PDB file of N, CA and C in Angstrom:
ATOM      1  N   MET A   1    -118.799  73.521  39.610  1.00  0.00           N
ATOM      2  CA  MET A   1    -118.711  73.292  38.185  1.00  0.00           C
ATOM      3  C   MET A   1    -118.306  71.850  37.941  1.00  0.00           C
ATOM      4  N   GLY A   2    -118.806  71.322  36.884  1.00  0.00           N
ATOM      5  CA  GLY A   2    -118.458  69.954  36.579  1.00  0.00           C
ATOM      6  C   GLY A   2    -118.259  69.755  35.095  1.00  0.00           C
ATOM      7  N   LYS A   3    -117.483  68.764  34.783  1.00  0.00           N
ATOM      8  CA  LYS A   3    -117.259  68.358  33.398  1.00  0.00           C
ATOM      9  C   LYS A   3    -116.727  69.493  32.524  1.00  0.00           C
ATOM     10  N   GLY A   4    -115.921  70.349  33.103  1.00  0.00           N
ATOM     11  CA  GLY A   4    -115.292  71.403  32.327  1.00  0.00           C
ATOM     12  C   GLY A   4    -116.208  72.538  31.924  1.00  0.00           C
ATOM     13  N   SER A   5    -117.378  72.625  32.530  1.00  0.00           N
ATOM     14  CA  SER A   5    -118.300  73.692  32.132  1.00  0.00           C
ATOM     15  C   SER A   5    -117.830  75.039  32.672  1.00  0.00           C
ATOM     16  N   ALA A   6    -118.097  76.057  31.921  1.00  0.00           N
ATOM     17  CA  ALA A   6    -117.733  77.412  32.321  1.00  0.00           C
ATOM     18  C   ALA A   6    -118.863  78.005  33.154  1.00  0.00           C
ATOM     19  N   PRO A   7    -118.549  78.966  34.023  1.00  0.00           N
ATOM     20  CA  PRO A   7    -119.616  79.597  34.788  1.00  0.00           C
ATOM     21  C   PRO A   7    -120.606  80.299  33.867  1.00  0.00           C
ATOM     22  N   ARG A   8    -121.832  80.350  34.300  1.00  0.00           N
ATOM     23  CA  ARG A   8    -122.846  81.034  33.489  1.00  0.00           C
ATOM     24  C   ARG A   8    -122.532  82.519  33.425  1.00  0.00           C
ATOM     25  N   PRO A   9    -122.774  83.136  32.285  1.00  0.00           N
ATOM     26  CA  PRO A   9    -122.514  84.571  32.174  1.00  0.00           C
ATOM     27  C   PRO A   9    -123.502  85.353  33.046  1.00  0.00           C
ATOM     28  N   MET A  10    -123.011  86.439  33.614  1.00  0.00           N
ATOM     29  CA  MET A  10    -123.853  87.288  34.445  1.00  0.00           C
ATOM     30  C   MET A  10    -124.025  88.618  33.712  1.00  0.00           C
ATOM     31  N   PRO A  11    -125.181  88.861  33.100  1.00  0.00           N
ATOM     32  CA  PRO A  11    -125.346  90.055  32.286  1.00  0.00           C
ATOM     33  C   PRO A  11    -125.304  91.354  33.091  1.00  0.00           C
ATOM     34  N   ASP A  12    -125.783  91.340  34.320  1.00  0.00           N
ATOM     35  CA  ASP A  12    -125.840  92.581  35.096  1.00  0.00           C
ATOM     36  C   ASP A  12    -125.317  92.333  36.505  1.00  0.00           C
ATOM     37  N   LYS A  13    -124.002  92.416  36.680  1.00  0.00           N
ATOM     38  CA  LYS A  13    -123.362  92.137  37.971  1.00  0.00           C
ATOM     39  C   LYS A  13    -123.808  93.117  39.044  1.00  0.00           C
ATOM     40  N   LYS A  14    -124.000  94.383  38.699  1.00  0.00           N
ATOM     41  CA  LYS A  14    -124.423  95.381  39.693  1.00  0.00           C
ATOM     42  C   LYS A  14    -125.807  95.049  40.239  1.00  0.00           C
ATOM     43  N   ALA A  15    -126.717  94.658  39.379  1.00  0.00           N
ATOM     44  CA  ALA A  15    -128.066  94.298  39.829  1.00  0.00           C
ATOM     45  C   ALA A  15    -128.019  93.044  40.700  1.00  0.00           C
ATOM     46  N   PHE A  16    -127.161  92.105  40.343  1.00  0.00           N
ATOM     47  CA  PHE A  16    -127.024  90.888  41.145  1.00  0.00           C
ATOM     48  C   PHE A  16    -126.512  91.226  42.541  1.00  0.00           C
ATOM     49  N   ASP A  17    -125.452  92.039  42.614  1.00  0.00           N
ATOM     50  CA  ASP A  17    -124.902  92.423  43.915  1.00  0.00           C
ATOM     51  C   ASP A  17    -125.920  93.203  44.743  1.00  0.00           C
ATOM     52  N   LYS A  18    -126.717  94.025  44.079  1.00  0.00           N
ATOM     53  CA  LYS A  18    -127.724  94.819  44.779  1.00  0.00           C
ATOM     54  C   LYS A  18    -128.821  93.917  45.359  1.00  0.00           C
ATOM     55  N   ASN A  19    -129.153  92.839  44.667  1.00  0.00           N
ATOM     56  CA  ASN A  19    -130.210  91.924  45.094  1.00  0.00           C
ATOM     57  C   ASN A  19    -129.674  90.681  45.793  1.00  0.00           C
ATOM     58  N   PHE A  20    -128.439  90.702  46.253  1.00  0.00           N
ATOM     59  CA  PHE A  20    -127.834  89.515  46.859  1.00  0.00           C
ATOM     60  C   PHE A  20    -128.668  88.978  48.016  1.00  0.00           C
ATOM     61  N   ASP A  21    -129.144  89.881  48.887  1.00  0.00           N
ATOM     62  CA  ASP A  21    -129.921  89.427  50.043  1.00  0.00           C
ATOM     63  C   ASP A  21    -131.236  88.784  49.621  1.00  0.00           C
ATOM     64  N   ALA A  22    -131.847  89.258  48.552  1.00  0.00           N
ATOM     65  CA  ALA A  22    -133.092  88.658  48.066  1.00  0.00           C
ATOM     66  C   ALA A  22    -132.827  87.300  47.418  1.00  0.00           C
ATOM     67  N   VAL A  23    -131.695  87.171  46.750  1.00  0.00           N
ATOM     68  CA  VAL A  23    -131.370  85.922  46.068  1.00  0.00           C
ATOM     69  C   VAL A  23    -130.991  84.835  47.076  1.00  0.00           C
ATOM     70  N   PHE A  24    -130.135  85.176  48.029  1.00  0.00           N
ATOM     71  CA  PHE A  24    -129.614  84.179  48.968  1.00  0.00           C
ATOM     72  C   PHE A  24    -130.188  84.313  50.378  1.00  0.00           C
ATOM     73  N   ASN A  25    -131.102  85.241  50.586  1.00  0.00           N
ATOM     74  CA  ASN A  25    -131.766  85.451  51.871  1.00  0.00           C
ATOM     75  C   ASN A  25    -130.786  85.838  52.976  1.00  0.00           C
ATOM     76  N   LYS A  26    -129.720  86.532  52.634  1.00  0.00           N
ATOM     77  CA  LYS A  26    -128.808  87.068  53.633  1.00  0.00           C
ATOM     78  C   LYS A  26    -127.946  88.145  52.992  1.00  0.00           C
ATOM     79  N   ALA A  27    -127.358  88.973  53.812  1.00  0.00           N
ATOM     80  CA  ALA A  27    -126.484  90.030  53.325  1.00  0.00           C
ATOM     81  C   ALA A  27    -125.145  89.419  52.919  1.00  0.00           C
ATOM     82  N   PRO A  28    -124.478  89.990  51.919  1.00  0.00           N
ATOM     83  CA  PRO A  28    -123.216  89.404  51.460  1.00  0.00           C
ATOM     84  C   PRO A  28    -122.127  89.396  52.529  1.00  0.00           C
ATOM     85  N   ASP A  29    -122.096  90.384  53.401  1.00  0.00           N
ATOM     86  CA  ASP A  29    -121.046  90.467  54.417  1.00  0.00           C
ATOM     87  C   ASP A  29    -121.567  90.130  55.807  1.00  0.00           C
ATOM     88  N   SER A  30    -122.690  89.421  55.883  1.00  0.00           N
ATOM     89  CA  SER A  30    -123.231  89.096  57.202  1.00  0.00           C
ATOM     90  C   SER A  30    -122.341  88.066  57.879  1.00  0.00           C
ATOM     91  N   GLY A  31    -122.195  88.219  59.172  1.00  0.00           N
ATOM     92  CA  GLY A  31    -121.383  87.281  59.939  1.00  0.00           C
ATOM     93  C   GLY A  31    -122.156  86.005  60.210  1.00  0.00           C
ATOM     94  N   PRO A  32    -121.607  85.173  61.077  1.00  0.00           N
ATOM     95  CA  PRO A  32    -122.311  83.936  61.395  1.00  0.00           C
ATOM     96  C   PRO A  32    -123.601  84.217  62.134  1.00  0.00           C
ATOM     97  N   LYS A  33    -124.506  83.289  62.069  1.00  0.00           N
ATOM     98  CA  LYS A  33    -125.760  83.438  62.780  1.00  0.00           C
ATOM     99  C   LYS A  33    -125.479  83.452  64.278  1.00  0.00           C
ATOM    100  N   PRO A  34    -126.309  84.129  65.061  1.00  0.00           N
ATOM    101  CA  PRO A  34    -126.050  84.216  66.500  1.00  0.00           C
ATOM    102  C   PRO A  34    -125.878  82.850  67.169  1.00  0.00           C
ATOM    103  N   LYS A  35    -126.724  81.878  66.849  1.00  0.00           N
ATOM    104  CA  LYS A  35    -126.600  80.565  67.481  1.00  0.00           C
ATOM    105  C   LYS A  35    -125.281  79.909  67.088  1.00  0.00           C
ATOM    106  N   ALA A  36    -124.883  80.069  65.846  1.00  0.00           N
ATOM    107  CA  ALA A  36    -123.614  79.496  65.398  1.00  0.00           C
ATOM    108  C   ALA A  36    -122.451  80.119  66.161  1.00  0.00           C
ATOM    109  N   GLN A  37    -122.528  81.420  66.392  1.00  0.00           N
ATOM    110  CA  GLN A  37    -121.469  82.102  67.136  1.00  0.00           C
ATOM    111  C   GLN A  37    -121.417  81.599  68.575  1.00  0.00           C
ATOM    112  N   ILE A  38    -122.578  81.427  69.194  1.00  0.00           N
ATOM    113  CA  ILE A  38    -122.633  80.928  70.570  1.00  0.00           C
ATOM    114  C   ILE A  38    -122.049  79.522  70.644  1.00  0.00           C
ATOM    115  N   MET A  39    -122.436  78.673  69.704  1.00  0.00           N
ATOM    116  CA  MET A  39    -121.930  77.299  69.705  1.00  0.00           C
ATOM    117  C   MET A  39    -120.412  77.281  69.512  1.00  0.00           C
ATOM    118  N   ARG A  40    -119.897  78.159  68.662  1.00  0.00           N
ATOM    119  CA  ARG A  40    -118.454  78.232  68.420  1.00  0.00           C
ATOM    120  C   ARG A  40    -117.727  78.650  69.698  1.00  0.00           C
ATOM    121  N   GLU A  41    -118.266  79.661  70.400  1.00  0.00           N
ATOM    122  CA  GLU A  41    -117.641  80.125  71.637  1.00  0.00           C
ATOM    123  C   GLU A  41    -117.661  79.046  72.718  1.00  0.00           C
ATOM    124  N   MET A  42    -118.777  78.327  72.827  1.00  0.00           N
ATOM    125  CA  MET A  42    -118.851  77.262  73.829  1.00  0.00           C
ATOM    126  C   MET A  42    -117.874  76.132  73.501  1.00  0.00           C
ATOM    127  N   ARG A  43    -117.730  75.793  72.223  1.00  0.00           N
ATOM    128  CA  ARG A  43    -116.790  74.747  71.828  1.00  0.00           C
ATOM    129  C   ARG A  43    -115.360  75.171  72.176  1.00  0.00           C
ATOM    130  N   GLU A  44    -115.020  76.442  71.919  1.00  0.00           N
ATOM    131  CA  GLU A  44    -113.691  76.945  72.252  1.00  0.00           C
ATOM    132  C   GLU A  44    -113.469  76.906  73.761  1.00  0.00           C
ATOM    133  N   ARG A  45    -114.494  77.294  74.527  1.00  0.00           N
ATOM    134  CA  ARG A  45    -114.370  77.283  75.991  1.00  0.00           C
ATOM    135  C   ARG A  45    -114.167  75.858  76.505  1.00  0.00           C
ATOM    136  N   ARG A  46    -114.945  74.912  75.980  1.00  0.00           N
ATOM    137  CA  ARG A  46    -114.788  73.520  76.414  1.00  0.00           C
ATOM    138  C   ARG A  46    -113.387  73.013  76.098  1.00  0.00           C
ATOM    139  N   ASN A  47    -112.877  73.360  74.930  1.00  0.00           N
ATOM    140  CA  ASN A  47    -111.529  72.920  74.559  1.00  0.00           C
ATOM    141  C   ASN A  47    -110.476  73.564  75.446  1.00  0.00           C
ATOM    142  N   ASN A  48    -110.617  74.867  75.727  1.00  0.00           N
ATOM    143  CA  ASN A  48    -109.636  75.575  76.541  1.00  0.00           C
ATOM    144  C   ASN A  48    -109.631  75.095  77.983  1.00  0.00           C
ATOM    145  N   GLU A  49    -110.813  74.797  78.533  1.00  0.00           N
ATOM    146  CA  GLU A  49    -110.910  74.403  79.935  1.00  0.00           C
ATOM    147  C   GLU A  49    -110.823  72.896  80.127  1.00  0.00           C
ATOM    148  N   GLY A  50    -110.710  72.151  79.048  1.00  0.00           N
ATOM    149  CA  GLY A  50    -110.593  70.710  79.152  1.00  0.00           C
ATOM    150  C   GLY A  50    -111.850  70.033  79.663  1.00  0.00           C
ATOM    151  N   MET A  51    -113.011  70.595  79.356  1.00  0.00           N
ATOM    152  CA  MET A  51    -114.270  70.030  79.833  1.00  0.00           C
ATOM    153  C   MET A  51    -114.641  68.800  79.004  1.00  0.00           C
ATOM    154  N   THR A  52    -115.325  67.859  79.652  1.00  0.00           N
ATOM    155  CA  THR A  52    -115.759  66.631  78.998  1.00  0.00           C
ATOM    156  C   THR A  52    -117.240  66.437  79.238  1.00  0.00           C
ATOM    157  N   GLU A  53    -117.956  66.055  78.190  1.00  0.00           N
ATOM    158  CA  GLU A  53    -119.386  65.780  78.312  1.00  0.00           C
ATOM    159  C   GLU A  53    -119.568  64.361  78.821  1.00  0.00           C
ATOM    160  N   LEU A  54    -120.535  64.186  79.749  1.00  0.00           N
ATOM    161  CA  LEU A  54    -120.758  62.882  80.355  1.00  0.00           C
ATOM    162  C   LEU A  54    -122.251  62.611  80.433  1.00  0.00           C
ATOM    163  N   HIS A  55    -122.675  61.458  79.918  1.00  0.00           N
ATOM    164  CA  HIS A  55    -124.080  61.040  79.989  1.00  0.00           C
ATOM    165  C   HIS A  55    -124.138  59.722  80.747  1.00  0.00           C
ATOM    166  N   VAL A  56    -124.932  59.678  81.817  1.00  0.00           N
ATOM    167  CA  VAL A  56    -125.074  58.446  82.591  1.00  0.00           C
ATOM    168  C   VAL A  56    -126.518  58.273  83.033  1.00  0.00           C
ATOM    169  N   TRP A  57    -126.897  57.026  83.250  1.00  0.00           N
ATOM    170  CA  TRP A  57    -128.197  56.714  83.831  1.00  0.00           C
ATOM    171  C   TRP A  57    -127.961  56.374  85.294  1.00  0.00           C
ATOM    172  N   VAL A  58    -128.685  57.072  86.191  1.00  0.00           N
ATOM    173  CA  VAL A  58    -128.500  56.856  87.625  1.00  0.00           C
ATOM    174  C   VAL A  58    -129.852  56.727  88.319  1.00  0.00           C
ATOM    175  N   THR A  59    -129.811  56.153  89.504  1.00  0.00           N
ATOM    176  CA  THR A  59    -131.018  56.079  90.327  1.00  0.00           C
ATOM    177  C   THR A  59    -131.215  57.430  91.002  1.00  0.00           C
ATOM    178  N   PRO A  60    -132.395  57.691  91.553  1.00  0.00           N
ATOM    179  CA  PRO A  60    -132.604  58.966  92.257  1.00  0.00           C
ATOM    180  C   PRO A  60    -131.611  59.183  93.401  1.00  0.00           C
ATOM    181  N   GLN A  61    -131.249  58.125  94.111  1.00  0.00           N
ATOM    182  CA  GLN A  61    -130.286  58.265  95.204  1.00  0.00           C
ATOM    183  C   GLN A  61    -128.898  58.617  94.666  1.00  0.00           C
ATOM    184  N   GLN A  62    -128.515  57.991  93.562  1.00  0.00           N
ATOM    185  CA  GLN A  62    -127.223  58.302  92.955  1.00  0.00           C
ATOM    186  C   GLN A  62    -127.196  59.735  92.444  1.00  0.00           C
ATOM    187  N   LYS A  63    -128.324  60.191  91.914  1.00  0.00           N
ATOM    188  CA  LYS A  63    -128.414  61.568  91.425  1.00  0.00           C
ATOM    189  C   LYS A  63    -128.154  62.548  92.560  1.00  0.00           C
ATOM    190  N   LEU A  64    -128.771  62.307  93.722  1.00  0.00           N
ATOM    191  CA  LEU A  64    -128.559  63.192  94.872  1.00  0.00           C
ATOM    192  C   LEU A  64    -127.098  63.184  95.308  1.00  0.00           C
ATOM    193  N   ALA A  65    -126.475  62.014  95.316  1.00  0.00           N
ATOM    194  CA  ALA A  65    -125.074  61.921  95.714  1.00  0.00           C
ATOM    195  C   ALA A  65    -124.176  62.668  94.729  1.00  0.00           C
ATOM    196  N   ILE A  66    -124.439  62.515  93.447  1.00  0.00           N
ATOM    197  CA  ILE A  66    -123.638  63.204  92.428  1.00  0.00           C
ATOM    198  C   ILE A  66    -123.821  64.711  92.532  1.00  0.00           C
ATOM    199  N   GLU A  67    -125.060  65.165  92.728  1.00  0.00           N
ATOM    200  CA  GLU A  67    -125.307  66.604  92.877  1.00  0.00           C
ATOM    201  C   GLU A  67    -124.584  67.156  94.091  1.00  0.00           C
ATOM    202  N   ALA A  68    -124.537  66.395  95.192  1.00  0.00           N
ATOM    203  CA  ALA A  68    -123.817  66.844  96.389  1.00  0.00           C
ATOM    204  C   ALA A  68    -122.327  66.982  96.102  1.00  0.00           C
ATOM    205  N   ILE A  69    -121.776  66.027  95.365  1.00  0.00           N
ATOM    206  CA  ILE A  69    -120.353  66.095  95.002  1.00  0.00           C
ATOM    207  C   ILE A  69    -120.089  67.315  94.131  1.00  0.00           C
ATOM    208  N   LEU A  70    -120.952  67.549  93.153  1.00  0.00           N
ATOM    209  CA  LEU A  70    -120.756  68.689  92.252  1.00  0.00           C
ATOM    210  C   LEU A  70    -120.901  70.010  92.991  1.00  0.00           C
ATOM    211  N   GLU A  71    -121.848  70.103  93.914  1.00  0.00           N
ATOM    212  CA  GLU A  71    -122.005  71.333  94.700  1.00  0.00           C
ATOM    213  C   GLU A  71    -120.784  71.569  95.572  1.00  0.00           C
ATOM    214  N   ALA A  72    -120.248  70.516  96.185  1.00  0.00           N
ATOM    215  CA  ALA A  72    -119.058  70.655  97.027  1.00  0.00           C
ATOM    216  C   ALA A  72    -117.858  71.075  96.183  1.00  0.00           C
ATOM    217  N   ASP A  73    -117.792  70.580  94.966  1.00  0.00           N
ATOM    218  CA  ASP A  73    -116.673  70.895  94.081  1.00  0.00           C
ATOM    219  C   ASP A  73    -116.711  72.347  93.622  1.00  0.00           C
ATOM    220  N   THR A  74    -117.915  72.922  93.496  1.00  0.00           N
ATOM    221  CA  THR A  74    -118.031  74.300  93.009  1.00  0.00           C
ATOM    222  C   THR A  74    -118.160  75.312  94.137  1.00  0.00           C
ATOM    223  N   ALA A  75    -118.199  74.851  95.389  1.00  0.00           N
ATOM    224  CA  ALA A  75    -118.318  75.775  96.524  1.00  0.00           C
ATOM    225  C   ALA A  75    -117.028  76.579  96.654  1.00  0.00           C
ATOM    226  N   PRO A  76    -117.154  77.852  97.053  1.00  0.00           N
ATOM    227  CA  PRO A  76    -115.941  78.670  97.215  1.00  0.00           C
ATOM    228  C   PRO A  76    -115.087  78.151  98.372  1.00  0.00           C
ATOM    229  N   LEU A  77    -113.781  78.228  98.195  1.00  0.00           N
ATOM    230  CA  LEU A  77    -112.852  77.791  99.239  1.00  0.00           C
ATOM    231  C   LEU A  77    -112.780  78.832 100.338  1.00  0.00           C
ATOM    232  N   ARG A  78    -112.605  78.366 101.575  1.00  0.00           N
ATOM    233  CA  ARG A  78    -112.513  79.300 102.720  1.00  0.00           C
ATOM    234  C   ARG A  78    -111.095  79.517 103.127  1.00  0.00           C
TER     235      ARG A  78
END
């Protein structure tokens, strides 16, 4: 609302509530979209585990060395 305007009158509130999904293309009590939920969970996991995103440009040889380090880091301990 702006400039002190009042909300528009709603002559038939029951009909509006009944057609909410047609008006707004979603159910009134629908939860977040599946992708949004997945993104939220991944963000929480990254924050909880202290993960950091890293982007680098490497040569093919450097890529192999980095992959070897990452594989060694994730290998089960004996």
